[in-house]
Amino acid sequence: MATASETLEVDGREIRVTNPDKVYFPDAPGGPISKLDLVRYWVEVADAALVGCRDRPTTLHRFPDGAGGEGFYQKRLPKGAPPWVETTLISFPSGRTADMPVLADAAHLAWAATLGCLEINPWPVRSGDVDHPDELRFDLDPMPEVPFEWVREIAMVTKEVLDEHGLVGFPKTSGKKGIHVNARIRPEWTFTEVRKAALALAREVERRVPDMSTTKWWKEERHGVFLDFNQNARDRTVASAYSVRPMPDARVSTPLAWGEVPNVDPEAFTLRTVPDRLRSVGDPSAGIDDHTGTLESVFELSERQEREGQGEAPYPPHFPKAEGEPVRAQPSRRRKSNRAKDPADKGSVPPPAPGKTSGPTGRRRTRMPLIEIARAETEREAMEGLERWKARHPEAAPHLEPADVMVDSMRGRSTTWTRIRVNLRNVPEADRPKQEPLEVDYDPWEGIDWPKDQSPSPQEGGDSPS
């Protein structure tokens, strides 16, 4: 039996949408949103969306079973792609290469949407020069339970710092819990140099509002709003402007005018509301290419910070070790020369949840009172489990600081899953709950017959997408 389909003409191309009535957002305000609705949305916002992603190698964040299903990142050109889809050859930090799709026009956006692509994740380079970024990116990512008001305030401080260095920032909601600020730069520096500049600027923001922001890479050290400088490393990307995020309301990463930032509500921008906003107020990021900055004064700031003792910062997991990079291990796990020789001072391995073979730290010792709350297919399910745990433990929950709740995006077979752990260090010892069965118990490896002693266990690292 033939599969239902509908064909749209976009930029002179025929775009075939199979299963057009397939529901992608069943709980969206105003009624369910279908696959065809998604494709039409991308066509409608294409001119504005292409400002952020045109002519850039792009990772497609695909959800073929809808926003509530398993998503995965497609870095290479998918098999069966039309011959007119443009590509460029890029190199990953591992040294491997791949042909990545380059979204050149509205037809490319519509084609990506037919694959269930909600988010466009472009590299900060153009296809003609994939080794020199032309965009500096700031990802303002709040720790769990940090109010969005803090994110808005940190965004305004970020603007001040950029202005002082002759860079023009263009803000947008992330579509989830944060704000992104992008600034165009001349493509004269490598990824390593651009990341160095981003780190210097982030540290300056942190210096001005230390109680509300942090550049600490390790989650156990973070508080407030994390200034994710590592989003400027090679092969790290964020959702582009007008991307639809896998949220129940089909929320959209939406460009803002700076005057909107102090009072912005991210929930106001969805697949259904953003097209009307574009028609009424236009695209606040339309002029970003007219403001190309340079990084000389930022490198002077970086050199001054180095003289003051602020050197290199850790790279993300799986990156080659960088020159001058500190030990890439969580502070609580580092062996310090002045640590006492008492075996108890070396910590212990926290017990696993009932029915599990690995606990909050795998086989690693820790001196922190850690427990594991959830292993979930989606972040939303994991956070719901955390709220249930808090409701059951009212004696402990009020003592938790934002940094005590660790939400990790973990690698699975073909997609990520979410783990939540809680550090009870701020909870009085008498009120600390014991390790209990997981609130959400998802096994990404279910059905795989692993050789003895080779089954995977949760590992440190990873970050929640903002």
Protein backbone atom coordinates (compact mmCIF):
# COMPACT_ATOMS: atom_id res chain seq x y z
CA MET A 1 0.00 0.00 0.00
CA ALA A 2 1.41 3.39 -1.04
CA THR A 3 2.52 5.76 1.71
CA ALA A 4 0.55 9.01 1.90
CA SER A 5 2.55 12.01 0.78
CA GLU A 6 2.27 15.63 -0.24
CA THR A 7 4.56 17.58 -2.56
CA LEU A 8 5.50 21.22 -2.04
CA GLU A 9 7.36 23.45 -4.50
CA VAL A 10 10.09 25.39 -2.70
CA ASP A 11 12.64 27.54 -4.53
CA GLY A 12 11.96 25.64 -7.72
CA ARG A 13 12.48 22.26 -6.05
CA GLU A 14 9.86 19.61 -5.44
CA ILE A 15 9.87 18.63 -1.78
CA ARG A 16 8.02 15.37 -1.09
CA VAL A 17 6.63 15.05 2.42
CA THR A 18 5.81 11.45 3.30
CA ASN A 19 3.37 10.76 6.13
CA PRO A 20 2.39 14.45 6.23
CA ASP A 21 -0.19 13.91 8.97
CA LYS A 22 2.26 12.25 11.36
CA VAL A 23 1.99 14.06 14.68
CA TYR A 24 5.22 15.61 15.95
CA PHE A 25 3.90 17.69 18.86
CA PRO A 26 0.74 16.05 20.23
CA ASP A 27 0.36 18.42 23.20
CA ALA A 28 1.10 21.74 21.52
CA PRO A 29 -1.14 24.68 22.48
CA GLY A 30 -3.82 25.06 19.83
CA GLY A 31 -3.75 21.40 18.90
CA PRO A 32 -1.33 18.79 17.56
CA ILE A 33 1.41 19.83 15.14
CA SER A 34 2.08 17.51 12.21
CA LYS A 35 5.11 16.78 10.07
CA LEU A 36 3.60 18.87 7.26
CA ASP A 37 3.11 21.75 9.70
CA LEU A 38 6.81 21.53 10.56
CA VAL A 39 7.90 21.60 6.91
CA ARG A 40 5.64 24.55 6.16
CA TYR A 41 6.97 26.39 9.21
CA TRP A 42 10.56 26.10 7.97
CA VAL A 43 9.53 27.36 4.54
CA GLU A 44 7.69 30.30 6.09
CA VAL A 45 10.61 31.42 8.27
CA ALA A 46 13.34 30.46 5.77
CA ASP A 47 14.57 33.96 4.93
CA ALA A 48 15.14 34.77 8.60
CA ALA A 49 16.43 31.31 9.52
CA LEU A 50 19.04 31.36 6.75
CA VAL A 51 20.66 34.44 8.31
CA GLY A 52 21.99 32.12 10.99
CA CYS A 53 22.74 28.98 8.99
CA ARG A 54 23.16 29.76 5.29
CA ASP A 55 26.33 28.38 3.71
CA ARG A 56 27.40 26.62 6.92
CA PRO A 57 28.18 22.92 7.47
CA THR A 58 25.31 21.72 9.60
CA THR A 59 24.41 18.94 12.01
CA LEU A 60 20.75 17.98 11.75
CA HIS A 61 19.03 17.16 15.06
CA ARG A 62 16.41 14.69 13.86
CA PHE A 63 13.31 13.35 15.62
CA PRO A 64 11.72 10.98 13.07
CA ASP A 65 9.15 9.79 15.62
CA GLY A 66 8.21 13.26 16.78
CA ALA A 67 9.44 15.53 19.54
CA GLY A 68 8.63 12.99 22.24
CA GLY A 69 10.59 10.20 20.57
CA GLU A 70 14.29 9.43 20.34
CA GLY A 71 16.33 12.12 18.67
CA PHE A 72 19.78 11.83 17.14
CA TYR A 73 22.39 14.11 15.60
CA GLN A 74 23.11 13.53 11.91
CA LYS A 75 26.52 14.98 11.07
CA ARG A 76 27.09 13.33 7.71
CA LEU A 77 24.95 13.75 4.63
CA PRO A 78 22.13 11.20 4.95
CA LYS A 79 21.94 8.41 2.40
CA GLY A 80 19.31 9.07 -0.24
CA ALA A 81 19.66 12.85 -0.06
CA PRO A 82 18.68 14.66 -3.29
CA PRO A 83 21.65 15.35 -5.58
CA TRP A 84 21.09 19.11 -5.29
CA VAL A 85 21.80 19.19 -1.53
CA GLU A 86 25.06 21.07 -1.06
CA THR A 87 27.88 19.69 1.09
CA THR A 88 31.34 20.57 2.32
CA LEU A 89 34.17 18.47 3.74
CA ILE A 90 34.96 19.09 7.40
CA SER A 91 37.44 17.62 9.91
CA PHE A 92 36.48 16.55 13.42
CA PRO A 93 38.80 16.89 16.45
CA SER A 94 39.52 13.16 16.12
CA GLY A 95 41.00 13.74 12.68
CA ARG A 96 38.17 11.98 10.87
CA THR A 97 36.42 13.79 8.03
CA ALA A 98 32.89 13.88 6.68
CA ASP A 99 30.76 15.50 4.02
CA MET A 100 28.25 17.63 5.92
CA PRO A 101 25.11 19.18 4.46
CA VAL A 102 25.22 22.91 3.79
CA LEU A 103 21.84 24.62 3.99
CA ALA A 104 21.85 26.99 1.02
CA ASP A 105 18.22 28.02 0.65
CA ALA A 106 14.61 27.40 1.69
CA ALA A 107 14.50 24.12 -0.23
CA HIS A 108 17.35 22.79 1.90
CA LEU A 109 15.49 23.72 5.09
CA ALA A 110 12.32 22.05 3.83
CA TRP A 111 14.25 18.92 2.85
CA ALA A 112 15.81 18.73 6.33
CA ALA A 113 12.35 19.06 7.89
CA THR A 114 11.09 16.08 5.88
CA LEU A 115 13.71 14.03 7.76
CA GLY A 116 12.18 15.03 11.08
CA CYS A 117 14.81 17.70 11.68
CA LEU A 118 13.60 20.11 14.36
CA GLU A 119 16.90 21.83 15.09
CA ILE A 120 19.51 23.22 12.75
CA ASN A 121 22.97 23.10 14.39
CA PRO A 122 25.40 24.93 12.10
CA TRP A 123 29.13 25.24 12.58
CA PRO A 124 30.38 28.84 13.08
CA VAL A 125 32.19 28.71 9.71
CA ARG A 126 31.31 29.12 6.05
CA SER A 127 31.68 26.30 3.56
CA GLY A 128 34.46 28.13 1.72
CA ASP A 129 36.70 28.18 4.82
CA VAL A 130 35.79 25.56 7.39
CA ASP A 131 38.81 26.16 9.64
CA HIS A 132 38.31 29.83 10.57
CA PRO A 133 35.10 30.74 12.42
CA ASP A 134 33.28 33.92 11.51
CA GLU A 135 31.06 33.83 14.59
CA LEU A 136 31.76 33.99 18.33
CA ARG A 137 29.09 32.25 20.41
CA PHE A 138 27.95 32.62 24.01
CA ASP A 139 25.70 29.97 25.51
CA LEU A 140 24.24 31.19 28.81
CA ASP A 141 23.14 27.98 30.48
CA PRO A 142 21.53 28.19 33.94
CA MET A 143 22.03 25.51 36.54
CA PRO A 144 18.83 23.67 37.53
CA GLU A 145 16.47 25.81 39.61
CA VAL A 146 18.25 29.07 38.70
CA PRO A 147 15.55 31.63 37.79
CA PHE A 148 15.40 32.86 34.22
CA GLU A 149 15.73 36.41 35.52
CA TRP A 150 19.40 35.62 36.19
CA VAL A 151 19.91 34.52 32.59
CA ARG A 152 18.44 37.79 31.33
CA GLU A 153 20.72 39.80 33.63
CA ILE A 154 23.83 37.88 32.58
CA ALA A 155 22.88 38.45 28.94
CA MET A 156 22.88 42.20 29.51
CA VAL A 157 26.31 42.04 31.20
CA THR A 158 27.55 39.99 28.22
CA LYS A 159 26.38 42.80 25.94
CA GLU A 160 28.36 45.34 27.99
CA VAL A 161 31.55 43.30 27.73
CA LEU A 162 31.15 42.73 24.00
CA ASP A 163 30.46 46.44 23.41
CA GLU A 164 33.66 47.38 25.21
CA HIS A 165 35.64 45.22 22.78
CA GLY A 166 33.94 46.49 19.65
CA LEU A 167 31.83 43.37 19.14
CA VAL A 168 28.11 43.56 18.40
CA GLY A 169 26.14 40.80 20.10
CA PHE A 170 22.84 39.50 18.78
CA PRO A 171 20.76 37.71 21.45
CA LYS A 172 18.19 34.97 21.05
CA THR A 173 16.33 32.62 23.31
CA SER A 174 17.78 29.14 23.25
CA GLY A 175 14.27 27.68 23.05
CA LYS A 176 14.85 25.87 26.32
CA LYS A 177 16.24 27.40 29.51
CA GLY A 178 18.99 29.73 28.32
CA ILE A 179 19.95 32.59 26.05
CA HIS A 180 22.47 32.59 23.21
CA VAL A 181 24.46 35.66 22.14
CA ASN A 182 26.25 35.56 18.79
CA ALA A 183 28.72 38.06 17.34
CA ARG A 184 30.19 38.06 13.85
CA ILE A 185 33.98 38.22 13.62
CA ARG A 186 36.49 38.33 10.80
CA PRO A 187 37.43 34.75 9.76
CA GLU A 188 41.11 35.23 10.58
CA TRP A 189 41.54 32.99 13.62
CA THR A 190 41.47 29.26 14.27
CA PHE A 191 38.92 27.47 16.45
CA THR A 192 41.53 27.34 19.23
CA GLU A 193 42.07 31.10 19.09
CA VAL A 194 38.35 31.92 18.94
CA ARG A 195 37.68 29.65 21.91
CA LYS A 196 40.48 31.43 23.79
CA ALA A 197 38.78 34.76 23.09
CA ALA A 198 35.41 33.41 24.23
CA LEU A 199 36.97 32.16 27.47
CA ALA A 200 38.51 35.58 28.15
CA LEU A 201 35.20 37.37 27.57
CA ALA A 202 33.31 34.84 29.70
CA ARG A 203 35.80 35.31 32.54
CA GLU A 204 35.27 39.05 32.35
CA VAL A 205 31.52 38.58 32.67
CA GLU A 206 32.13 36.28 35.62
CA ARG A 207 34.38 38.87 37.25
CA ARG A 208 31.59 41.44 37.12
CA VAL A 209 28.81 39.21 38.44
CA PRO A 210 30.61 36.42 40.34
CA ASP A 211 27.62 35.49 42.49
CA MET A 212 25.38 34.87 39.48
CA SER A 213 27.69 33.43 36.82
CA THR A 214 30.54 30.97 36.41
CA THR A 215 33.05 29.67 33.89
CA LYS A 216 33.81 26.56 35.96
CA TRP A 217 33.70 23.59 33.60
CA TRP A 218 33.06 20.88 36.19
CA LYS A 219 29.45 20.73 37.30
CA GLU A 220 30.24 20.19 40.95
CA GLU A 221 31.91 23.62 40.96
CA ARG A 222 29.24 25.54 39.07
CA HIS A 223 26.60 27.91 40.34
CA GLY A 224 24.21 30.39 38.77
CA VAL A 225 24.51 30.75 35.01
CA PHE A 226 27.26 28.79 33.27
CA LEU A 227 29.06 30.74 30.52
CA ASP A 228 29.81 27.89 28.14
CA PHE A 229 32.95 29.05 26.35
CA ASN A 230 33.52 25.53 24.99
CA GLN A 231 30.70 25.98 22.50
CA ASN A 232 33.38 27.70 20.41
CA ALA A 233 35.53 24.56 20.17
CA ARG A 234 35.64 22.70 16.87
CA ASP A 235 32.57 20.48 16.28
CA ARG A 236 30.56 22.06 19.13
CA THR A 237 27.30 23.60 17.98
CA VAL A 238 24.15 25.21 19.34
CA ALA A 239 20.66 25.35 17.88
CA SER A 240 20.43 28.01 15.19
CA ALA A 241 17.92 30.85 15.11
CA TYR A 242 14.34 29.72 14.49
CA SER A 243 15.11 26.10 15.31
CA VAL A 244 12.23 24.21 16.91
CA ARG A 245 13.20 22.58 20.17
CA PRO A 246 11.82 19.19 21.32
CA MET A 247 9.61 20.77 23.96
CA PRO A 248 5.88 19.92 24.32
CA ASP A 249 4.86 23.41 23.19
CA ALA A 250 7.11 23.39 20.07
CA ARG A 251 9.17 26.26 21.42
CA VAL A 252 11.47 28.14 19.04
CA SER A 253 14.94 29.62 19.49
CA THR A 254 14.02 33.21 18.69
CA PRO A 255 16.20 36.28 17.95
CA LEU A 256 15.56 39.30 20.15
CA ALA A 257 16.21 43.02 20.15
CA TRP A 258 18.28 43.99 23.18
CA GLY A 259 15.37 46.03 24.48
CA GLU A 260 13.33 42.84 24.73
CA VAL A 261 15.86 40.88 26.79
CA PRO A 262 15.13 42.30 30.29
CA ASN A 263 11.51 41.08 30.16
CA VAL A 264 11.56 38.25 27.62
CA ASP A 265 9.51 35.12 28.25
CA PRO A 266 10.81 32.18 26.15
CA GLU A 267 7.43 30.44 26.34
CA ALA A 268 5.94 33.17 24.13
CA PHE A 269 7.85 31.93 21.07
CA THR A 270 6.55 28.74 19.47
CA LEU A 271 6.17 27.25 16.02
CA ARG A 272 2.70 28.78 15.90
CA THR A 273 3.54 32.28 17.19
CA VAL A 274 6.92 33.03 15.59
CA PRO A 275 5.71 33.43 11.97
CA ASP A 276 3.27 36.14 13.10
CA ARG A 277 6.06 37.80 15.07
CA LEU A 278 8.25 37.88 11.95
CA ARG A 279 5.47 39.48 9.95
CA SER A 280 4.80 42.12 12.58
CA VAL A 281 8.25 43.07 13.95
CA GLY A 282 10.67 41.50 11.47
CA ASP A 283 13.87 39.61 12.29
CA PRO A 284 15.98 41.30 15.01
CA SER A 285 19.07 39.42 13.79
CA ALA A 286 18.72 40.53 10.15
CA GLY A 287 21.68 42.92 10.37
CA ILE A 288 24.19 40.60 12.02
CA ASP A 289 26.34 40.31 8.89
CA ASP A 290 26.74 44.11 8.83
CA HIS A 291 28.63 44.07 12.13
CA THR A 292 31.86 42.12 11.75
CA GLY A 293 34.30 42.59 14.62
CA THR A 294 37.90 41.84 15.41
CA LEU A 295 39.50 40.09 18.40
CA GLU A 296 42.74 42.02 19.01
CA SER A 297 41.56 43.72 22.20
CA VAL A 298 40.07 40.44 23.44
CA PHE A 299 43.44 38.72 23.11
CA GLU A 300 44.96 41.57 25.13
CA LEU A 301 42.36 40.83 27.81
CA SER A 302 43.29 37.15 27.65
CA GLU A 303 47.00 37.91 28.07
CA ARG A 304 46.22 40.10 31.09
CA GLN A 305 44.17 37.29 32.63
CA GLU A 306 47.03 34.83 32.05
CA ARG A 307 49.46 37.16 33.85
CA GLU A 308 47.01 37.17 36.75
CA GLY A 309 47.10 33.38 36.90
CA GLN A 310 44.10 32.40 34.78
CA GLY A 311 45.40 29.92 32.26
CA GLU A 312 43.80 27.37 29.96
CA ALA A 313 40.48 25.76 30.91
CA PRO A 314 39.36 22.17 30.31
CA TYR A 315 38.09 21.12 26.90
CA PRO A 316 35.01 18.91 26.57
CA PRO A 317 35.40 15.14 26.87
CA HIS A 318 36.75 13.31 23.80
CA PHE A 319 38.84 16.31 22.66
CA PRO A 320 42.60 15.89 22.30
CA LYS A 321 44.56 17.28 25.24
CA ALA A 322 45.36 20.96 24.64
CA GLU A 323 48.65 22.65 25.40
CA GLY A 324 48.53 24.12 28.89
CA GLU A 325 45.21 22.47 29.70
CA PRO A 326 44.78 21.58 33.38
CA VAL A 327 44.14 18.04 34.55
CA ARG A 328 40.93 16.91 32.87
CA ALA A 329 39.32 15.36 35.93
CA GLN A 330 36.69 16.50 38.39
CA PRO A 331 38.16 18.29 41.42
CA SER A 332 36.63 15.77 43.81
CA ARG A 333 38.53 12.96 42.06
CA ARG A 334 41.92 14.58 41.77
CA ARG A 335 44.72 13.15 43.85
CA LYS A 336 46.32 16.00 45.73
CA SER A 337 49.78 15.70 47.17
CA ASN A 338 48.70 17.07 50.52
CA ARG A 339 45.82 14.66 50.94
CA ALA A 340 45.97 12.60 54.12
CA LYS A 341 46.99 8.95 53.79
CA ASP A 342 44.03 7.75 55.81
CA PRO A 343 42.14 5.38 53.45
CA ALA A 344 38.86 6.91 54.61
CA ASP A 345 40.01 10.30 53.32
CA LYS A 346 40.23 8.85 49.81
CA GLY A 347 36.50 8.47 49.83
CA SER A 348 34.47 5.46 48.85
CA VAL A 349 32.45 4.09 45.95
CA PRO A 350 28.78 5.07 46.46
CA PRO A 351 26.42 2.08 46.37
CA PRO A 352 24.33 1.53 43.26
CA ALA A 353 20.57 1.82 43.27
CA PRO A 354 18.78 -1.46 44.01
CA GLY A 355 18.89 -3.65 40.93
CA LYS A 356 21.76 -1.70 39.32
CA THR A 357 25.37 -2.81 38.94
CA SER A 358 26.90 0.69 38.93
CA GLY A 359 26.26 3.67 41.14
CA PRO A 360 26.53 7.47 40.86
CA THR A 361 30.28 7.34 40.12
CA GLY A 362 30.69 3.92 38.54
CA ARG A 363 33.77 2.34 40.13
CA ARG A 364 35.28 5.66 41.17
CA ARG A 365 35.76 6.78 44.75
CA THR A 366 34.40 10.10 45.98
CA ARG A 367 34.28 11.96 49.25
CA MET A 368 30.96 13.52 48.27
CA PRO A 369 27.65 12.00 49.47
CA LEU A 370 26.20 11.28 46.03
CA ILE A 371 23.05 9.41 45.14
CA GLU A 372 21.50 8.68 41.77
CA ILE A 373 17.92 9.72 41.07
CA ALA A 374 17.12 8.87 37.45
CA ARG A 375 18.27 7.35 34.18
CA ALA A 376 15.76 8.51 31.60
CA GLU A 377 15.26 8.45 27.86
CA THR A 378 14.53 12.20 27.86
CA GLU A 379 15.54 15.12 30.05
CA ARG A 380 11.89 15.89 30.72
CA GLU A 381 11.27 12.42 32.17
CA ALA A 382 14.41 12.72 34.29
CA MET A 383 13.38 16.10 35.70
CA GLU A 384 9.90 14.79 36.49
CA GLY A 385 11.55 11.99 38.44
CA LEU A 386 13.65 14.53 40.34
CA GLU A 387 10.52 16.45 41.35
CA ARG A 388 8.92 13.24 42.65
CA TRP A 389 12.05 12.50 44.68
CA LYS A 390 11.99 16.00 46.17
CA ALA A 391 8.35 15.64 47.11
CA ARG A 392 9.18 12.42 48.97
CA HIS A 393 12.08 14.01 50.81
CA PRO A 394 10.95 17.45 52.03
CA GLU A 395 13.57 17.32 54.79
CA ALA A 396 16.40 17.24 52.23
CA ALA A 397 15.18 19.13 49.15
CA PRO A 398 15.30 22.69 50.62
CA HIS A 399 19.01 22.30 51.40
CA LEU A 400 20.05 21.57 47.81
CA GLU A 401 21.98 24.26 45.97
CA PRO A 402 21.67 24.49 42.16
CA ALA A 403 25.14 22.96 41.75
CA ASP A 404 24.09 19.97 43.88
CA VAL A 405 21.75 18.71 41.16
CA MET A 406 23.77 17.24 38.30
CA VAL A 407 21.89 16.68 35.04
CA ASP A 408 24.09 14.81 32.56
CA SER A 409 23.47 14.07 28.90
CA MET A 410 24.93 10.59 28.36
CA ARG A 411 25.92 8.75 25.19
CA GLY A 412 23.71 5.84 24.17
CA ARG A 413 23.66 3.58 21.13
CA SER A 414 22.54 6.21 18.62
CA THR A 415 21.30 9.05 20.80
CA THR A 416 21.73 10.54 24.23
CA TRP A 417 19.90 9.80 27.46
CA THR A 418 19.73 11.74 30.72
CA ARG A 419 21.06 10.91 34.16
CA ILE A 420 20.38 12.88 37.35
CA ARG A 421 22.53 12.65 40.46
CA VAL A 422 22.24 14.64 43.68
CA ASN A 423 25.07 15.75 45.96
CA LEU A 424 23.83 15.76 49.56
CA ARG A 425 26.80 17.74 50.92
CA ASN A 426 24.56 20.63 52.02
CA VAL A 427 21.95 18.39 53.63
CA PRO A 428 22.41 17.72 57.37
CA GLU A 429 23.78 14.22 57.76
CA ALA A 430 20.78 13.06 59.77
CA ASP A 431 18.44 14.13 56.96
CA ARG A 432 20.32 12.61 54.03
CA PRO A 433 18.20 10.05 52.16
CA LYS A 434 19.77 6.71 51.34
CA GLN A 435 20.20 5.47 47.79
CA GLU A 436 16.80 4.22 46.65
CA PRO A 437 15.48 2.58 43.49
CA LEU A 438 15.74 4.99 40.57
CA GLU A 439 12.73 7.22 40.04
CA VAL A 440 13.14 6.64 36.30
CA ASP A 441 14.97 3.48 35.27
CA TYR A 442 15.78 3.57 31.54
CA ASP A 443 18.37 1.21 30.08
CA PRO A 444 19.73 2.46 26.71
CA TRP A 445 21.55 -0.84 26.26
CA GLU A 446 18.55 -3.12 26.77
CA GLY A 447 18.59 -6.04 24.35
CA ILE A 448 22.35 -6.01 23.75
CA ASP A 449 24.21 -9.17 24.75
CA TRP A 450 27.49 -7.77 26.10
CA PRO A 451 30.56 -9.93 26.70
CA LYS A 452 31.22 -10.60 30.36
CA ASP A 453 32.62 -7.59 32.23
CA GLN A 454 32.25 -5.33 29.19
CA SER A 455 28.79 -3.88 29.71
CA PRO A 456 28.79 -0.07 29.76
CA SER A 457 28.30 1.97 32.89
CA PRO A 458 27.53 5.66 33.31
CA GLN A 459 30.59 7.84 32.79
CA GLU A 460 31.42 11.35 33.91
CA GLY A 461 31.07 14.23 31.48
CA GLY A 462 28.49 15.50 29.10
CA ASP A 463 26.35 18.56 29.32
CA SER A 464 22.66 19.25 29.08
CA PRO A 465 21.77 21.12 25.89
CA SER A 466 20.67 24.63 26.64
